[in-house]
Amino acid sequence: MCPDQQDWAEKIPMVEFVLNSAISTSSGFTPFELSYGYVPSINPGIIPESSAVPSVKYFVTHTLRNLSHVHNAIIESRVQQTHNANCHHHEDDTFMAGDQVYVSTADLSLPKG
């Protein structure tokens, strides 16, 4: 990534690819699976041959670098979201048999009559 963020337009296709390849926690599927029935992949073990055309080397190198950056950003975001969600989580109150407690009936459906 460029510090001045002038290269963001180059990153959009790879960001879209990674987001569409990410498994949704709510559905358990990726957008690619739902749209096309499979998840395409980029093999991170690809190394351009020394005899490859310079533009191919550039594309492969930058695609794998972008993929790595986006993958790390998604993981970092998920960790941060989990941390933020857990900050608001508190332990449930524990009650013992015989404790007296107030119970709200605001959301309780009771039979009429």
PDB file of N, CA and C in Angstrom:
ATOM      1  N   MET A   1       0.835  -1.179   0.000  1.00  0.00           N
ATOM      2  CA  MET A   1       0.000   0.000   0.000  1.00  0.00           C
ATOM      3  C   MET A   1       0.880   1.242   0.000  1.00  0.00           C
ATOM      4  N   CYS A   2       0.465   2.216  -0.766  1.00  0.00           N
ATOM      5  CA  CYS A   2       1.184   3.489  -0.784  1.00  0.00           C
ATOM      6  C   CYS A   2       0.758   4.312   0.427  1.00  0.00           C
ATOM      7  N   PRO A   3       1.705   4.955   1.094  1.00  0.00           N
ATOM      8  CA  PRO A   3       1.353   5.787   2.248  1.00  0.00           C
ATOM      9  C   PRO A   3       0.381   6.912   1.890  1.00  0.00           C
ATOM     10  N   ASP A   4       0.463   7.418   0.641  1.00  0.00           N
ATOM     11  CA  ASP A   4      -0.434   8.506   0.247  1.00  0.00           C
ATOM     12  C   ASP A   4      -1.777   7.988  -0.275  1.00  0.00           C
ATOM     13  N   GLN A   5      -1.962   6.677  -0.289  1.00  0.00           N
ATOM     14  CA  GLN A   5      -3.206   5.997  -0.676  1.00  0.00           C
ATOM     15  C   GLN A   5      -3.655   6.351  -2.099  1.00  0.00           C
ATOM     16  N   GLN A   6      -2.702   6.629  -2.963  1.00  0.00           N
ATOM     17  CA  GLN A   6      -3.036   6.946  -4.347  1.00  0.00           C
ATOM     18  C   GLN A   6      -3.252   5.684  -5.188  1.00  0.00           C
ATOM     19  N   ASP A   7      -2.989   4.501  -4.610  1.00  0.00           N
ATOM     20  CA  ASP A   7      -3.129   3.257  -5.373  1.00  0.00           C
ATOM     21  C   ASP A   7      -4.394   2.484  -5.019  1.00  0.00           C
ATOM     22  N   TRP A   8      -5.342   3.118  -4.332  1.00  0.00           N
ATOM     23  CA  TRP A   8      -6.534   2.395  -3.862  1.00  0.00           C
ATOM     24  C   TRP A   8      -7.349   1.831  -5.013  1.00  0.00           C
ATOM     25  N   ALA A   9      -7.388   2.512  -6.149  1.00  0.00           N
ATOM     26  CA  ALA A   9      -8.184   2.019  -7.279  1.00  0.00           C
ATOM     27  C   ALA A   9      -7.652   0.680  -7.797  1.00  0.00           C
ATOM     28  N   GLU A  10      -6.334   0.476  -7.690  1.00  0.00           N
ATOM     29  CA  GLU A  10      -5.748  -0.800  -8.108  1.00  0.00           C
ATOM     30  C   GLU A  10      -6.175  -1.940  -7.193  1.00  0.00           C
ATOM     31  N   LYS A  11      -6.482  -1.619  -5.960  1.00  0.00           N
ATOM     32  CA  LYS A  11      -6.802  -2.634  -4.956  1.00  0.00           C
ATOM     33  C   LYS A  11      -8.252  -3.118  -5.034  1.00  0.00           C
ATOM     34  N   ILE A  12      -9.129  -2.350  -5.644  1.00  0.00           N
ATOM     35  CA  ILE A  12     -10.559  -2.673  -5.618  1.00  0.00           C
ATOM     36  C   ILE A  12     -10.875  -4.070  -6.157  1.00  0.00           C
ATOM     37  N   PRO A  13     -10.356  -4.487  -7.305  1.00  0.00           N
ATOM     38  CA  PRO A  13     -10.702  -5.838  -7.778  1.00  0.00           C
ATOM     39  C   PRO A  13     -10.290  -6.940  -6.806  1.00  0.00           C
ATOM     40  N   MET A  14      -9.115  -6.813  -6.201  1.00  0.00           N
ATOM     41  CA  MET A  14      -8.669  -7.844  -5.273  1.00  0.00           C
ATOM     42  C   MET A  14      -9.473  -7.801  -3.982  1.00  0.00           C
ATOM     43  N   VAL A  15      -9.817  -6.618  -3.518  1.00  0.00           N
ATOM     44  CA  VAL A  15     -10.656  -6.503  -2.316  1.00  0.00           C
ATOM     45  C   VAL A  15     -11.999  -7.164  -2.584  1.00  0.00           C
ATOM     46  N   GLU A  16     -12.577  -6.896  -3.742  1.00  0.00           N
ATOM     47  CA  GLU A  16     -13.859  -7.507  -4.105  1.00  0.00           C
ATOM     48  C   GLU A  16     -13.737  -9.030  -4.153  1.00  0.00           C
ATOM     49  N   PHE A  17     -12.656  -9.521  -4.731  1.00  0.00           N
ATOM     50  CA  PHE A  17     -12.437 -10.966  -4.817  1.00  0.00           C
ATOM     51  C   PHE A  17     -12.362 -11.590  -3.424  1.00  0.00           C
ATOM     52  N   VAL A  18     -11.580 -10.978  -2.546  1.00  0.00           N
ATOM     53  CA  VAL A  18     -11.403 -11.530  -1.204  1.00  0.00           C
ATOM     54  C   VAL A  18     -12.708 -11.473  -0.415  1.00  0.00           C
ATOM     55  N   LEU A  19     -13.429 -10.362  -0.503  1.00  0.00           N
ATOM     56  CA  LEU A  19     -14.702 -10.257   0.213  1.00  0.00           C
ATOM     57  C   LEU A  19     -15.710 -11.281  -0.300  1.00  0.00           C
ATOM     58  N   ASN A  20     -15.738 -11.499  -1.610  1.00  0.00           N
ATOM     59  CA  ASN A  20     -16.655 -12.491  -2.179  1.00  0.00           C
ATOM     60  C   ASN A  20     -16.213 -13.918  -1.891  1.00  0.00           C
ATOM     61  N   SER A  21     -14.967 -14.100  -1.452  1.00  0.00           N
ATOM     62  CA  SER A  21     -14.453 -15.423  -1.100  1.00  0.00           C
ATOM     63  C   SER A  21     -14.551 -15.699   0.398  1.00  0.00           C
ATOM     64  N   ALA A  22     -14.894 -14.677   1.176  1.00  0.00           N
ATOM     65  CA  ALA A  22     -14.945 -14.823   2.634  1.00  0.00           C
ATOM     66  C   ALA A  22     -16.257 -15.477   3.052  1.00  0.00           C
ATOM     67  N   ILE A  23     -16.161 -16.433   3.964  1.00  0.00           N
ATOM     68  CA  ILE A  23     -17.348 -17.137   4.449  1.00  0.00           C
ATOM     69  C   ILE A  23     -18.109 -16.236   5.408  1.00  0.00           C
ATOM     70  N   SER A  24     -19.402 -16.085   5.162  1.00  0.00           N
ATOM     71  CA  SER A  24     -20.261 -15.290   6.040  1.00  0.00           C
ATOM     72  C   SER A  24     -20.557 -16.089   7.304  1.00  0.00           C
ATOM     73  N   THR A  25     -20.400 -15.452   8.458  1.00  0.00           N
ATOM     74  CA  THR A  25     -20.674 -16.154   9.709  1.00  0.00           C
ATOM     75  C   THR A  25     -22.158 -16.435   9.869  1.00  0.00           C
ATOM     76  N   SER A  26     -23.022 -15.614   9.264  1.00  0.00           N
ATOM     77  CA  SER A  26     -24.457 -15.861   9.412  1.00  0.00           C
ATOM     78  C   SER A  26     -24.968 -16.969   8.509  1.00  0.00           C
ATOM     79  N   SER A  27     -24.464 -17.051   7.266  1.00  0.00           N
ATOM     80  CA  SER A  27     -24.983 -18.068   6.350  1.00  0.00           C
ATOM     81  C   SER A  27     -24.073 -19.289   6.230  1.00  0.00           C
ATOM     82  N   GLY A  28     -22.771 -19.114   6.499  1.00  0.00           N
ATOM     83  CA  GLY A  28     -21.823 -20.210   6.339  1.00  0.00           C
ATOM     84  C   GLY A  28     -21.372 -20.399   4.893  1.00  0.00           C
ATOM     85  N   PHE A  29     -21.754 -19.487   4.011  1.00  0.00           N
ATOM     86  CA  PHE A  29     -21.401 -19.565   2.599  1.00  0.00           C
ATOM     87  C   PHE A  29     -20.662 -18.299   2.173  1.00  0.00           C
ATOM     88  N   THR A  30     -19.942 -18.405   1.059  1.00  0.00           N
ATOM     89  CA  THR A  30     -19.335 -17.218   0.465  1.00  0.00           C
ATOM     90  C   THR A  30     -20.289 -16.683  -0.593  1.00  0.00           C
ATOM     91  N   PRO A  31     -20.206 -15.386  -0.910  1.00  0.00           N
ATOM     92  CA  PRO A  31     -21.018 -14.867  -2.014  1.00  0.00           C
ATOM     93  C   PRO A  31     -20.756 -15.605  -3.326  1.00  0.00           C
ATOM     94  N   PHE A  32     -19.500 -16.017  -3.578  1.00  0.00           N
ATOM     95  CA  PHE A  32     -19.210 -16.793  -4.784  1.00  0.00           C
ATOM     96  C   PHE A  32     -19.993 -18.102  -4.802  1.00  0.00           C
ATOM     97  N   GLU A  33     -20.037 -18.808  -3.665  1.00  0.00           N
ATOM     98  CA  GLU A  33     -20.771 -20.077  -3.603  1.00  0.00           C
ATOM     99  C   GLU A  33     -22.242 -19.875  -3.908  1.00  0.00           C
ATOM    100  N   LEU A  34     -22.818 -18.823  -3.355  1.00  0.00           N
ATOM    101  CA  LEU A  34     -24.236 -18.576  -3.551  1.00  0.00           C
ATOM    102  C   LEU A  34     -24.545 -18.132  -4.976  1.00  0.00           C
ATOM    103  N   SER A  35     -23.645 -17.387  -5.592  1.00  0.00           N
ATOM    104  CA  SER A  35     -23.886 -16.896  -6.950  1.00  0.00           C
ATOM    105  C   SER A  35     -23.507 -17.898  -8.030  1.00  0.00           C
ATOM    106  N   TYR A  36     -22.363 -18.568  -7.841  1.00  0.00           N
ATOM    107  CA  TYR A  36     -21.816 -19.406  -8.908  1.00  0.00           C
ATOM    108  C   TYR A  36     -21.707 -20.880  -8.560  1.00  0.00           C
ATOM    109  N   GLY A  37     -21.906 -21.225  -7.293  1.00  0.00           N
ATOM    110  CA  GLY A  37     -21.850 -22.623  -6.893  1.00  0.00           C
ATOM    111  C   GLY A  37     -20.458 -23.119  -6.529  1.00  0.00           C
ATOM    112  N   TYR A  38     -19.445 -22.278  -6.595  1.00  0.00           N
ATOM    113  CA  TYR A  38     -18.092 -22.671  -6.219  1.00  0.00           C
ATOM    114  C   TYR A  38     -17.311 -21.422  -5.811  1.00  0.00           C
ATOM    115  N   VAL A  39     -16.171 -21.655  -5.188  1.00  0.00           N
ATOM    116  CA  VAL A  39     -15.303 -20.544  -4.781  1.00  0.00           C
ATOM    117  C   VAL A  39     -14.033 -20.601  -5.622  1.00  0.00           C
ATOM    118  N   PRO A  40     -13.822 -19.619  -6.507  1.00  0.00           N
ATOM    119  CA  PRO A  40     -12.562 -19.599  -7.253  1.00  0.00           C
ATOM    120  C   PRO A  40     -11.418 -19.270  -6.308  1.00  0.00           C
ATOM    121  N   SER A  41     -10.230 -19.676  -6.651  1.00  0.00           N
ATOM    122  CA  SER A  41      -9.109 -19.401  -5.758  1.00  0.00           C
ATOM    123  C   SER A  41      -7.897 -18.938  -6.542  1.00  0.00           C
ATOM    124  N   ILE A  42      -7.046 -18.257  -5.838  1.00  0.00           N
ATOM    125  CA  ILE A  42      -5.738 -17.882  -6.368  1.00  0.00           C
ATOM    126  C   ILE A  42      -4.734 -18.656  -5.544  1.00  0.00           C
ATOM    127  N   ASN A  43      -3.921 -19.435  -6.196  1.00  0.00           N
ATOM    128  CA  ASN A  43      -2.940 -20.248  -5.506  1.00  0.00           C
ATOM    129  C   ASN A  43      -1.797 -19.367  -5.016  1.00  0.00           C
ATOM    130  N   PRO A  44      -1.639 -19.236  -3.686  1.00  0.00           N
ATOM    131  CA  PRO A  44      -0.570 -18.379  -3.191  1.00  0.00           C
ATOM    132  C   PRO A  44       0.824 -18.931  -3.475  1.00  0.00           C
ATOM    133  N   GLY A  45       0.911 -20.172  -3.938  1.00  0.00           N
ATOM    134  CA  GLY A  45       2.197 -20.759  -4.258  1.00  0.00           C
ATOM    135  C   GLY A  45       2.680 -20.420  -5.657  1.00  0.00           C
ATOM    136  N   ILE A  46       1.903 -19.635  -6.390  1.00  0.00           N
ATOM    137  CA  ILE A  46       2.293 -19.266  -7.749  1.00  0.00           C
ATOM    138  C   ILE A  46       3.504 -18.349  -7.689  1.00  0.00           C
ATOM    139  N   ILE A  47       4.510 -18.696  -8.471  1.00  0.00           N
ATOM    140  CA  ILE A  47       5.696 -17.852  -8.596  1.00  0.00           C
ATOM    141  C   ILE A  47       5.940 -17.685 -10.094  1.00  0.00           C
ATOM    142  N   PRO A  48       5.964 -16.440 -10.560  1.00  0.00           N
ATOM    143  CA  PRO A  48       6.178 -16.260 -12.000  1.00  0.00           C
ATOM    144  C   PRO A  48       7.553 -16.763 -12.426  1.00  0.00           C
ATOM    145  N   GLU A  49       7.579 -17.431 -13.553  1.00  0.00           N
ATOM    146  CA  GLU A  49       8.849 -17.942 -14.075  1.00  0.00           C
ATOM    147  C   GLU A  49       9.752 -16.782 -14.468  1.00  0.00           C
ATOM    148  N   SER A  50      11.037 -17.022 -14.421  1.00  0.00           N
ATOM    149  CA  SER A  50      11.986 -15.958 -14.778  1.00  0.00           C
ATOM    150  C   SER A  50      11.847 -15.552 -16.241  1.00  0.00           C
ATOM    151  N   SER A  51      11.360 -16.480 -17.079  1.00  0.00           N
ATOM    152  CA  SER A  51      11.200 -16.167 -18.500  1.00  0.00           C
ATOM    153  C   SER A  51       9.838 -15.542 -18.807  1.00  0.00           C
ATOM    154  N   ALA A  52       8.999 -15.329 -17.779  1.00  0.00           N
ATOM    155  CA  ALA A  52       7.666 -14.772 -18.003  1.00  0.00           C
ATOM    156  C   ALA A  52       7.755 -13.330 -18.467  1.00  0.00           C
ATOM    157  N   VAL A  53       6.743 -12.940 -19.201  1.00  0.00           N
ATOM    158  CA  VAL A  53       6.639 -11.566 -19.680  1.00  0.00           C
ATOM    159  C   VAL A  53       6.599 -10.632 -18.463  1.00  0.00           C
ATOM    160  N   PRO A  54       7.284  -9.509 -18.490  1.00  0.00           N
ATOM    161  CA  PRO A  54       7.316  -8.606 -17.333  1.00  0.00           C
ATOM    162  C   PRO A  54       5.933  -8.220 -16.817  1.00  0.00           C
ATOM    163  N   SER A  55       4.975  -8.020 -17.711  1.00  0.00           N
ATOM    164  CA  SER A  55       3.636  -7.632 -17.254  1.00  0.00           C
ATOM    165  C   SER A  55       2.963  -8.773 -16.487  1.00  0.00           C
ATOM    166  N   VAL A  56       3.277 -10.021 -16.850  1.00  0.00           N
ATOM    167  CA  VAL A  56       2.725 -11.176 -16.121  1.00  0.00           C
ATOM    168  C   VAL A  56       3.359 -11.253 -14.742  1.00  0.00           C
ATOM    169  N   LYS A  57       4.674 -11.069 -14.680  1.00  0.00           N
ATOM    170  CA  LYS A  57       5.351 -11.063 -13.381  1.00  0.00           C
ATOM    171  C   LYS A  57       4.771  -9.982 -12.470  1.00  0.00           C
ATOM    172  N   TYR A  58       4.589  -8.790 -13.050  1.00  0.00           N
ATOM    173  CA  TYR A  58       4.037  -7.678 -12.284  1.00  0.00           C
ATOM    174  C   TYR A  58       2.638  -8.032 -11.766  1.00  0.00           C
ATOM    175  N   PHE A  59       1.797  -8.567 -12.646  1.00  0.00           N
ATOM    176  CA  PHE A  59       0.429  -8.897 -12.260  1.00  0.00           C
ATOM    177  C   PHE A  59       0.404  -9.934 -11.144  1.00  0.00           C
ATOM    178  N   VAL A  60       1.141 -11.012 -11.309  1.00  0.00           N
ATOM    179  CA  VAL A  60       1.144 -12.083 -10.303  1.00  0.00           C
ATOM    180  C   VAL A  60       1.690 -11.566  -8.978  1.00  0.00           C
ATOM    181  N   THR A  61       2.799 -10.868  -9.022  1.00  0.00           N
ATOM    182  CA  THR A  61       3.416 -10.352  -7.799  1.00  0.00           C
ATOM    183  C   THR A  61       2.479  -9.405  -7.063  1.00  0.00           C
ATOM    184  N   HIS A  62       1.894  -8.463  -7.786  1.00  0.00           N
ATOM    185  CA  HIS A  62       1.012  -7.485  -7.154  1.00  0.00           C
ATOM    186  C   HIS A  62      -0.307  -8.115  -6.713  1.00  0.00           C
ATOM    187  N   THR A  63      -0.817  -9.065  -7.469  1.00  0.00           N
ATOM    188  CA  THR A  63      -2.062  -9.732  -7.075  1.00  0.00           C
ATOM    189  C   THR A  63      -1.866 -10.500  -5.780  1.00  0.00           C
ATOM    190  N   LEU A  64      -0.777 -11.239  -5.667  1.00  0.00           N
ATOM    191  CA  LEU A  64      -0.525 -11.999  -4.444  1.00  0.00           C
ATOM    192  C   LEU A  64      -0.256 -11.069  -3.256  1.00  0.00           C
ATOM    193  N   ARG A  65       0.447  -9.974  -3.488  1.00  0.00           N
ATOM    194  CA  ARG A  65       0.698  -9.003  -2.419  1.00  0.00           C
ATOM    195  C   ARG A  65      -0.620  -8.368  -1.967  1.00  0.00           C
ATOM    196  N   ASN A  66      -1.453  -7.966  -2.930  1.00  0.00           N
ATOM    197  CA  ASN A  66      -2.750  -7.374  -2.592  1.00  0.00           C
ATOM    198  C   ASN A  66      -3.628  -8.370  -1.854  1.00  0.00           C
ATOM    199  N   LEU A  67      -3.620  -9.600  -2.307  1.00  0.00           N
ATOM    200  CA  LEU A  67      -4.411 -10.647  -1.654  1.00  0.00           C
ATOM    201  C   LEU A  67      -3.975 -10.811  -0.204  1.00  0.00           C
ATOM    202  N   SER A  68      -2.687 -10.793   0.021  1.00  0.00           N
ATOM    203  CA  SER A  68      -2.171 -10.917   1.379  1.00  0.00           C
ATOM    204  C   SER A  68      -2.584  -9.726   2.241  1.00  0.00           C
ATOM    205  N   HIS A  69      -2.475  -8.514   1.704  1.00  0.00           N
ATOM    206  CA  HIS A  69      -2.863  -7.314   2.448  1.00  0.00           C
ATOM    207  C   HIS A  69      -4.347  -7.339   2.802  1.00  0.00           C
ATOM    208  N   VAL A  70      -5.178  -7.689   1.832  1.00  0.00           N
ATOM    209  CA  VAL A  70      -6.627  -7.704   2.072  1.00  0.00           C
ATOM    210  C   VAL A  70      -6.987  -8.798   3.067  1.00  0.00           C
ATOM    211  N   HIS A  71      -6.375  -9.961   2.924  1.00  0.00           N
ATOM    212  CA  HIS A  71      -6.636 -11.060   3.854  1.00  0.00           C
ATOM    213  C   HIS A  71      -6.289 -10.635   5.284  1.00  0.00           C
ATOM    214  N   ASN A  72      -5.132 -10.013   5.453  1.00  0.00           N
ATOM    215  CA  ASN A  72      -4.714  -9.546   6.778  1.00  0.00           C
ATOM    216  C   ASN A  72      -5.650  -8.466   7.308  1.00  0.00           C
ATOM    217  N   ALA A  73      -6.104  -7.573   6.426  1.00  0.00           N
ATOM    218  CA  ALA A  73      -7.025  -6.506   6.856  1.00  0.00           C
ATOM    219  C   ALA A  73      -8.361  -7.090   7.319  1.00  0.00           C
ATOM    220  N   ILE A  74      -8.860  -8.112   6.634  1.00  0.00           N
ATOM    221  CA  ILE A  74     -10.124  -8.741   7.033  1.00  0.00           C
ATOM    222  C   ILE A  74      -9.957  -9.421   8.388  1.00  0.00           C
ATOM    223  N   ILE A  75      -8.863 -10.131   8.575  1.00  0.00           N
ATOM    224  CA  ILE A  75      -8.626 -10.798   9.868  1.00  0.00           C
ATOM    225  C   ILE A  75      -8.507  -9.755  10.976  1.00  0.00           C
ATOM    226  N   GLU A  76      -7.756  -8.686  10.722  1.00  0.00           N
ATOM    227  CA  GLU A  76      -7.598  -7.629  11.723  1.00  0.00           C
ATOM    228  C   GLU A  76      -8.948  -7.001  12.068  1.00  0.00           C
ATOM    229  N   SER A  77      -9.770  -6.791  11.060  1.00  0.00           N
ATOM    230  CA  SER A  77     -11.096  -6.218  11.285  1.00  0.00           C
ATOM    231  C   SER A  77     -11.964  -7.151  12.120  1.00  0.00           C
ATOM    232  N   ARG A  78     -11.927  -8.432  11.815  1.00  0.00           N
ATOM    233  CA  ARG A  78     -12.718  -9.400  12.589  1.00  0.00           C
ATOM    234  C   ARG A  78     -12.250  -9.477  14.037  1.00  0.00           C
ATOM    235  N   VAL A  79     -10.943  -9.419  14.245  1.00  0.00           N
ATOM    236  CA  VAL A  79     -10.414  -9.423  15.608  1.00  0.00           C
ATOM    237  C   VAL A  79     -10.887  -8.180  16.351  1.00  0.00           C
ATOM    238  N   GLN A  80     -10.825  -7.023  15.702  1.00  0.00           N
ATOM    239  CA  GLN A  80     -11.257  -5.772  16.327  1.00  0.00           C
ATOM    240  C   GLN A  80     -12.755  -5.808  16.636  1.00  0.00           C
ATOM    241  N   GLN A  81     -13.560  -6.327  15.707  1.00  0.00           N
ATOM    242  CA  GLN A  81     -15.005  -6.426  15.929  1.00  0.00           C
ATOM    243  C   GLN A  81     -15.307  -7.356  17.094  1.00  0.00           C
ATOM    244  N   THR A  82     -14.591  -8.469  17.172  1.00  0.00           N
ATOM    245  CA  THR A  82     -14.784  -9.409  18.281  1.00  0.00           C
ATOM    246  C   THR A  82     -14.406  -8.745  19.600  1.00  0.00           C
ATOM    247  N   HIS A  83     -13.290  -8.032  19.599  1.00  0.00           N
ATOM    248  CA  HIS A  83     -12.848  -7.326  20.805  1.00  0.00           C
ATOM    249  C   HIS A  83     -13.902  -6.310  21.242  1.00  0.00           C
ATOM    250  N   ASN A  84     -14.400  -5.515  20.282  1.00  0.00           N
ATOM    251  CA  ASN A  84     -15.411  -4.501  20.609  1.00  0.00           C
ATOM    252  C   ASN A  84     -16.691  -5.143  21.136  1.00  0.00           C
ATOM    253  N   ALA A  85     -17.106  -6.239  20.544  1.00  0.00           N
ATOM    254  CA  ALA A  85     -18.320  -6.918  21.007  1.00  0.00           C
ATOM    255  C   ALA A  85     -18.120  -7.477  22.411  1.00  0.00           C
ATOM    256  N   ASN A  86     -16.945  -8.016  22.687  1.00  0.00           N
ATOM    257  CA  ASN A  86     -16.676  -8.596  24.000  1.00  0.00           C
ATOM    258  C   ASN A  86     -16.523  -7.537  25.089  1.00  0.00           C
ATOM    259  N   CYS A  87     -16.171  -6.316  24.710  1.00  0.00           N
ATOM    260  CA  CYS A  87     -16.057  -5.240  25.705  1.00  0.00           C
ATOM    261  C   CYS A  87     -17.412  -4.930  26.326  1.00  0.00           C
ATOM    262  N   HIS A  88     -18.478  -5.130  25.566  1.00  0.00           N
ATOM    263  CA  HIS A  88     -19.825  -4.819  26.047  1.00  0.00           C
ATOM    264  C   HIS A  88     -20.497  -6.030  26.684  1.00  0.00           C
ATOM    265  N   HIS A  89     -19.834  -7.154  26.651  1.00  0.00           N
ATOM    266  CA  HIS A  89     -20.398  -8.375  27.224  1.00  0.00           C
ATOM    267  C   HIS A  89     -20.121  -8.411  28.710  1.00  0.00           C
ATOM    268  N   HIS A  90     -21.107  -8.778  29.457  1.00  0.00           N
ATOM    269  CA  HIS A  90     -20.887  -8.901  30.897  1.00  0.00           C
ATOM    270  C   HIS A  90     -21.413 -10.254  31.348  1.00  0.00           C
ATOM    271  N   GLU A  91     -20.849 -10.717  32.416  1.00  0.00           N
ATOM    272  CA  GLU A  91     -21.248 -12.009  32.954  1.00  0.00           C
ATOM    273  C   GLU A  91     -22.688 -11.943  33.451  1.00  0.00           C
ATOM    274  N   ASP A  92     -23.423 -13.006  33.205  1.00  0.00           N
ATOM    275  CA  ASP A  92     -24.793 -13.078  33.703  1.00  0.00           C
ATOM    276  C   ASP A  92     -24.774 -13.169  35.221  1.00  0.00           C
ATOM    277  N   ASP A  93     -25.813 -12.597  35.816  1.00  0.00           N
ATOM    278  CA  ASP A  93     -25.948 -12.714  37.261  1.00  0.00           C
ATOM    279  C   ASP A  93     -26.223 -14.171  37.615  1.00  0.00           C
ATOM    280  N   THR A  94     -25.654 -14.601  38.692  1.00  0.00           N
ATOM    281  CA  THR A  94     -25.904 -15.979  39.130  1.00  0.00           C
ATOM    282  C   THR A  94     -26.845 -15.944  40.337  1.00  0.00           C
ATOM    283  N   PHE A  95     -27.780 -16.827  40.304  1.00  0.00           N
ATOM    284  CA  PHE A  95     -28.757 -16.923  41.380  1.00  0.00           C
ATOM    285  C   PHE A  95     -28.685 -18.304  41.998  1.00  0.00           C
ATOM    286  N   MET A  96     -28.967 -18.340  43.260  1.00  0.00           N
ATOM    287  CA  MET A  96     -28.978 -19.609  43.993  1.00  0.00           C
ATOM    288  C   MET A  96     -30.427 -19.947  44.329  1.00  0.00           C
ATOM    289  N   ALA A  97     -30.680 -21.226  44.535  1.00  0.00           N
ATOM    290  CA  ALA A  97     -32.013 -21.653  44.942  1.00  0.00           C
ATOM    291  C   ALA A  97     -32.400 -20.909  46.216  1.00  0.00           C
ATOM    292  N   GLY A  98     -33.596 -20.353  46.229  1.00  0.00           N
ATOM    293  CA  GLY A  98     -34.088 -19.621  47.387  1.00  0.00           C
ATOM    294  C   GLY A  98     -33.874 -18.122  47.296  1.00  0.00           C
ATOM    295  N   ASP A  99     -33.073 -17.629  46.318  1.00  0.00           N
ATOM    296  CA  ASP A  99     -32.880 -16.188  46.144  1.00  0.00           C
ATOM    297  C   ASP A  99     -34.188 -15.548  45.686  1.00  0.00           C
ATOM    298  N   GLN A 100     -34.452 -14.351  46.163  1.00  0.00           N
ATOM    299  CA  GLN A 100     -35.626 -13.615  45.718  1.00  0.00           C
ATOM    300  C   GLN A 100     -35.181 -12.632  44.635  1.00  0.00           C
ATOM    301  N   VAL A 101     -35.912 -12.640  43.514  1.00  0.00           N
ATOM    302  CA  VAL A 101     -35.564 -11.782  42.382  1.00  0.00           C
ATOM    303  C   VAL A 101     -36.829 -11.146  41.827  1.00  0.00           C
ATOM    304  N   TYR A 102     -36.678 -10.023  41.146  1.00  0.00           N
ATOM    305  CA  TYR A 102     -37.790  -9.405  40.438  1.00  0.00           C
ATOM    306  C   TYR A 102     -37.797  -9.953  39.019  1.00  0.00           C
ATOM    307  N   VAL A 103     -38.982 -10.264  38.526  1.00  0.00           N
ATOM    308  CA  VAL A 103     -39.130 -10.792  37.169  1.00  0.00           C
ATOM    309  C   VAL A 103     -40.054  -9.856  36.392  1.00  0.00           C
ATOM    310  N   SER A 104     -39.580  -9.385  35.255  1.00  0.00           N
ATOM    311  CA  SER A 104     -40.400  -8.525  34.414  1.00  0.00           C
ATOM    312  C   SER A 104     -41.321  -9.374  33.560  1.00  0.00           C
ATOM    313  N   THR A 105     -42.572  -8.943  33.446  1.00  0.00           N
ATOM    314  CA  THR A 105     -43.531  -9.639  32.579  1.00  0.00           C
ATOM    315  C   THR A 105     -43.809  -8.830  31.315  1.00  0.00           C
ATOM    316  N   ALA A 106     -42.960  -7.861  31.018  1.00  0.00           N
ATOM    317  CA  ALA A 106     -43.183  -6.974  29.866  1.00  0.00           C
ATOM    318  C   ALA A 106     -43.244  -7.765  28.558  1.00  0.00           C
ATOM    319  N   ASP A 107     -42.411  -8.765  28.374  1.00  0.00           N
ATOM    320  CA  ASP A 107     -42.403  -9.536  27.130  1.00  0.00           C
ATOM    321  C   ASP A 107     -42.985 -10.931  27.327  1.00  0.00           C
ATOM    322  N   LEU A 108     -43.736 -11.129  28.375  1.00  0.00           N
ATOM    323  CA  LEU A 108     -44.301 -12.435  28.683  1.00  0.00           C
ATOM    324  C   LEU A 108     -45.701 -12.534  28.125  1.00  0.00           C
ATOM    325  N   SER A 109     -45.952 -13.552  27.308  1.00  0.00           N
ATOM    326  CA  SER A 109     -47.297 -13.772  26.753  1.00  0.00           C
ATOM    327  C   SER A 109     -48.069 -14.665  27.706  1.00  0.00           C
ATOM    328  N   LEU A 110     -49.136 -14.132  28.232  1.00  0.00           N
ATOM    329  CA  LEU A 110     -49.970 -14.897  29.155  1.00  0.00           C
ATOM    330  C   LEU A 110     -51.319 -15.167  28.483  1.00  0.00           C
ATOM    331  N   PRO A 111     -51.917 -16.326  28.756  1.00  0.00           N
ATOM    332  CA  PRO A 111     -53.233 -16.612  28.169  1.00  0.00           C
ATOM    333  C   PRO A 111     -54.280 -15.651  28.724  1.00  0.00           C
ATOM    334  N   LYS A 112     -55.207 -15.264  27.874  1.00  0.00           N
ATOM    335  CA  LYS A 112     -56.280 -14.353  28.288  1.00  0.00           C
ATOM    336  C   LYS A 112     -57.357 -15.141  29.015  1.00  0.00           C
ATOM    337  N   GLY A 113     -57.911 -14.531  30.034  1.00  0.00           N
ATOM    338  CA  GLY A 113     -59.067 -15.082  30.724  1.00  0.00           C
ATOM    339  C   GLY A 113     -58.725 -16.090  31.679  1.00  0.00           C
TER     340      GLY A 113
END
